[in-house]
N, C-alpha and C. Protein backbone atom coordinates (compact mmCIF):
# COMPACT_ATOMS: atom_id res chain seq x y z
N MET A 1 10.77 2.03 4.57
CA MET A 1 11.17 2.09 3.19
C MET A 1 12.23 1.03 2.93
N GLN A 2 12.16 0.41 1.79
CA GLN A 2 13.06 -0.67 1.42
C GLN A 2 13.63 -0.38 0.04
N GLU A 3 14.97 -0.42 -0.09
CA GLU A 3 15.61 -0.14 -1.38
C GLU A 3 16.61 -1.25 -1.69
N LEU A 4 16.50 -1.84 -2.88
CA LEU A 4 17.41 -2.88 -3.31
C LEU A 4 18.79 -2.27 -3.54
N ILE A 5 19.82 -2.85 -2.90
CA ILE A 5 21.20 -2.37 -3.05
C ILE A 5 21.97 -3.22 -4.05
N GLY A 6 21.76 -4.52 -3.99
CA GLY A 6 22.46 -5.44 -4.88
C GLY A 6 22.20 -6.86 -4.43
N GLN A 7 23.13 -7.77 -4.77
CA GLN A 7 22.97 -9.15 -4.33
C GLN A 7 24.27 -9.69 -3.79
N CYS A 8 24.15 -10.68 -2.93
CA CYS A 8 25.29 -11.33 -2.30
C CYS A 8 26.17 -11.93 -3.39
N ASP A 9 27.47 -11.71 -3.31
CA ASP A 9 28.39 -12.24 -4.32
C ASP A 9 28.48 -13.76 -4.27
N LEU A 10 28.12 -14.38 -3.16
CA LEU A 10 28.21 -15.83 -3.05
C LEU A 10 26.89 -16.54 -3.33
N CYS A 11 25.84 -16.22 -2.60
CA CYS A 11 24.58 -16.96 -2.73
C CYS A 11 23.56 -16.25 -3.62
N LYS A 12 23.85 -15.03 -4.05
CA LYS A 12 22.99 -14.25 -4.95
C LYS A 12 21.68 -13.78 -4.32
N ARG A 13 21.58 -13.81 -2.99
CA ARG A 13 20.39 -13.30 -2.29
C ARG A 13 20.35 -11.78 -2.47
N GLU A 14 19.16 -11.24 -2.67
CA GLU A 14 19.01 -9.80 -2.82
C GLU A 14 19.24 -9.11 -1.48
N LEU A 15 19.99 -8.00 -1.50
CA LEU A 15 20.32 -7.26 -0.28
C LEU A 15 19.67 -5.88 -0.36
N TYR A 16 19.06 -5.49 0.75
CA TYR A 16 18.29 -4.25 0.80
C TYR A 16 18.81 -3.31 1.87
N CYS A 17 18.53 -2.04 1.67
CA CYS A 17 18.67 -1.02 2.69
C CYS A 17 17.25 -0.80 3.21
N MET A 18 17.05 -1.04 4.51
CA MET A 18 15.72 -0.93 5.09
C MET A 18 15.72 0.16 6.16
N ASP A 19 14.97 1.20 5.91
CA ASP A 19 14.88 2.35 6.82
C ASP A 19 16.25 2.93 7.16
N GLY A 20 17.15 2.95 6.16
CA GLY A 20 18.46 3.56 6.35
C GLY A 20 19.54 2.61 6.83
N PHE A 21 19.23 1.33 7.03
CA PHE A 21 20.22 0.37 7.51
C PHE A 21 20.43 -0.73 6.46
N PHE A 22 21.68 -0.92 6.05
CA PHE A 22 22.01 -1.93 5.07
C PHE A 22 21.92 -3.31 5.71
N GLN A 23 21.17 -4.21 5.09
CA GLN A 23 20.94 -5.54 5.62
C GLN A 23 21.95 -6.54 5.04
N GLY A 24 23.22 -6.25 5.22
CA GLY A 24 24.30 -7.11 4.72
C GLY A 24 25.64 -6.52 5.12
N GLU A 25 26.69 -6.98 4.45
CA GLU A 25 28.05 -6.51 4.73
C GLU A 25 28.77 -6.26 3.41
N MET A 26 29.74 -5.35 3.46
CA MET A 26 30.59 -5.08 2.31
C MET A 26 32.04 -5.26 2.76
N ASP A 27 32.84 -6.02 1.98
CA ASP A 27 34.23 -6.21 2.36
C ASP A 27 35.08 -5.05 1.84
N SER A 28 36.37 -5.11 2.09
CA SER A 28 37.26 -4.00 1.73
C SER A 28 37.41 -3.82 0.22
N THR A 29 37.05 -4.84 -0.56
CA THR A 29 37.13 -4.71 -2.02
C THR A 29 35.83 -4.23 -2.63
N GLY A 30 34.78 -4.06 -1.81
CA GLY A 30 33.50 -3.57 -2.29
C GLY A 30 32.50 -4.65 -2.63
N LYS A 31 32.85 -5.93 -2.37
CA LYS A 31 31.91 -7.02 -2.62
C LYS A 31 30.83 -7.02 -1.55
N LEU A 32 29.60 -7.35 -1.97
CA LEU A 32 28.47 -7.40 -1.05
C LEU A 32 28.19 -8.84 -0.62
N PHE A 33 27.85 -9.02 0.65
CA PHE A 33 27.54 -10.33 1.19
C PHE A 33 26.34 -10.23 2.12
N CYS A 34 25.52 -11.31 2.16
CA CYS A 34 24.51 -11.42 3.20
C CYS A 34 25.27 -11.77 4.49
N TYR A 35 24.61 -11.65 5.63
CA TYR A 35 25.31 -11.88 6.89
C TYR A 35 25.90 -13.28 7.00
N SER A 36 25.15 -14.31 6.61
CA SER A 36 25.64 -15.68 6.77
C SER A 36 26.84 -15.95 5.86
N CYS A 37 26.81 -15.48 4.63
CA CYS A 37 27.96 -15.68 3.73
C CYS A 37 29.16 -14.87 4.19
N TYR A 38 28.93 -13.68 4.73
CA TYR A 38 30.03 -12.85 5.22
C TYR A 38 30.77 -13.55 6.36
N ILE A 39 30.02 -14.18 7.27
CA ILE A 39 30.64 -14.89 8.39
C ILE A 39 31.49 -16.04 7.87
N GLU A 40 30.98 -16.79 6.91
CA GLU A 40 31.74 -17.90 6.33
C GLU A 40 32.99 -17.40 5.60
N GLU A 41 32.85 -16.34 4.84
CA GLU A 41 33.97 -15.75 4.10
C GLU A 41 35.04 -15.25 5.07
N LYS A 42 34.61 -14.64 6.16
CA LYS A 42 35.54 -14.12 7.19
C LYS A 42 36.29 -15.27 7.85
N LYS A 43 35.60 -16.37 8.16
CA LYS A 43 36.25 -17.54 8.76
C LYS A 43 37.34 -18.07 7.84
N GLU A 44 37.03 -18.22 6.55
CA GLU A 44 37.99 -18.74 5.60
C GLU A 44 39.21 -17.84 5.46
N SER A 45 39.01 -16.53 5.43
CA SER A 45 40.14 -15.61 5.28
C SER A 45 40.98 -15.55 6.55
N ASP A 46 40.36 -15.74 7.73
CA ASP A 46 41.12 -15.75 8.99
C ASP A 46 41.97 -17.01 9.13
N GLU A 47 41.54 -18.11 8.51
CA GLU A 47 42.28 -19.36 8.60
C GLU A 47 43.53 -19.35 7.74
N LYS A 48 43.60 -18.45 6.76
CA LYS A 48 44.75 -18.39 5.84
C LYS A 48 45.92 -17.67 6.45
């Protein structure tokens, strides 16, 4: 089963929950990210 959850806040890719597992990441503010954008966002915030 596949359910649309939302879209990545950076690249606008659609993010789904597939068989009960969310195929992305959510930060502490509730923003949704695909895995690749989340890694980039995490790198930038760690550098600050």
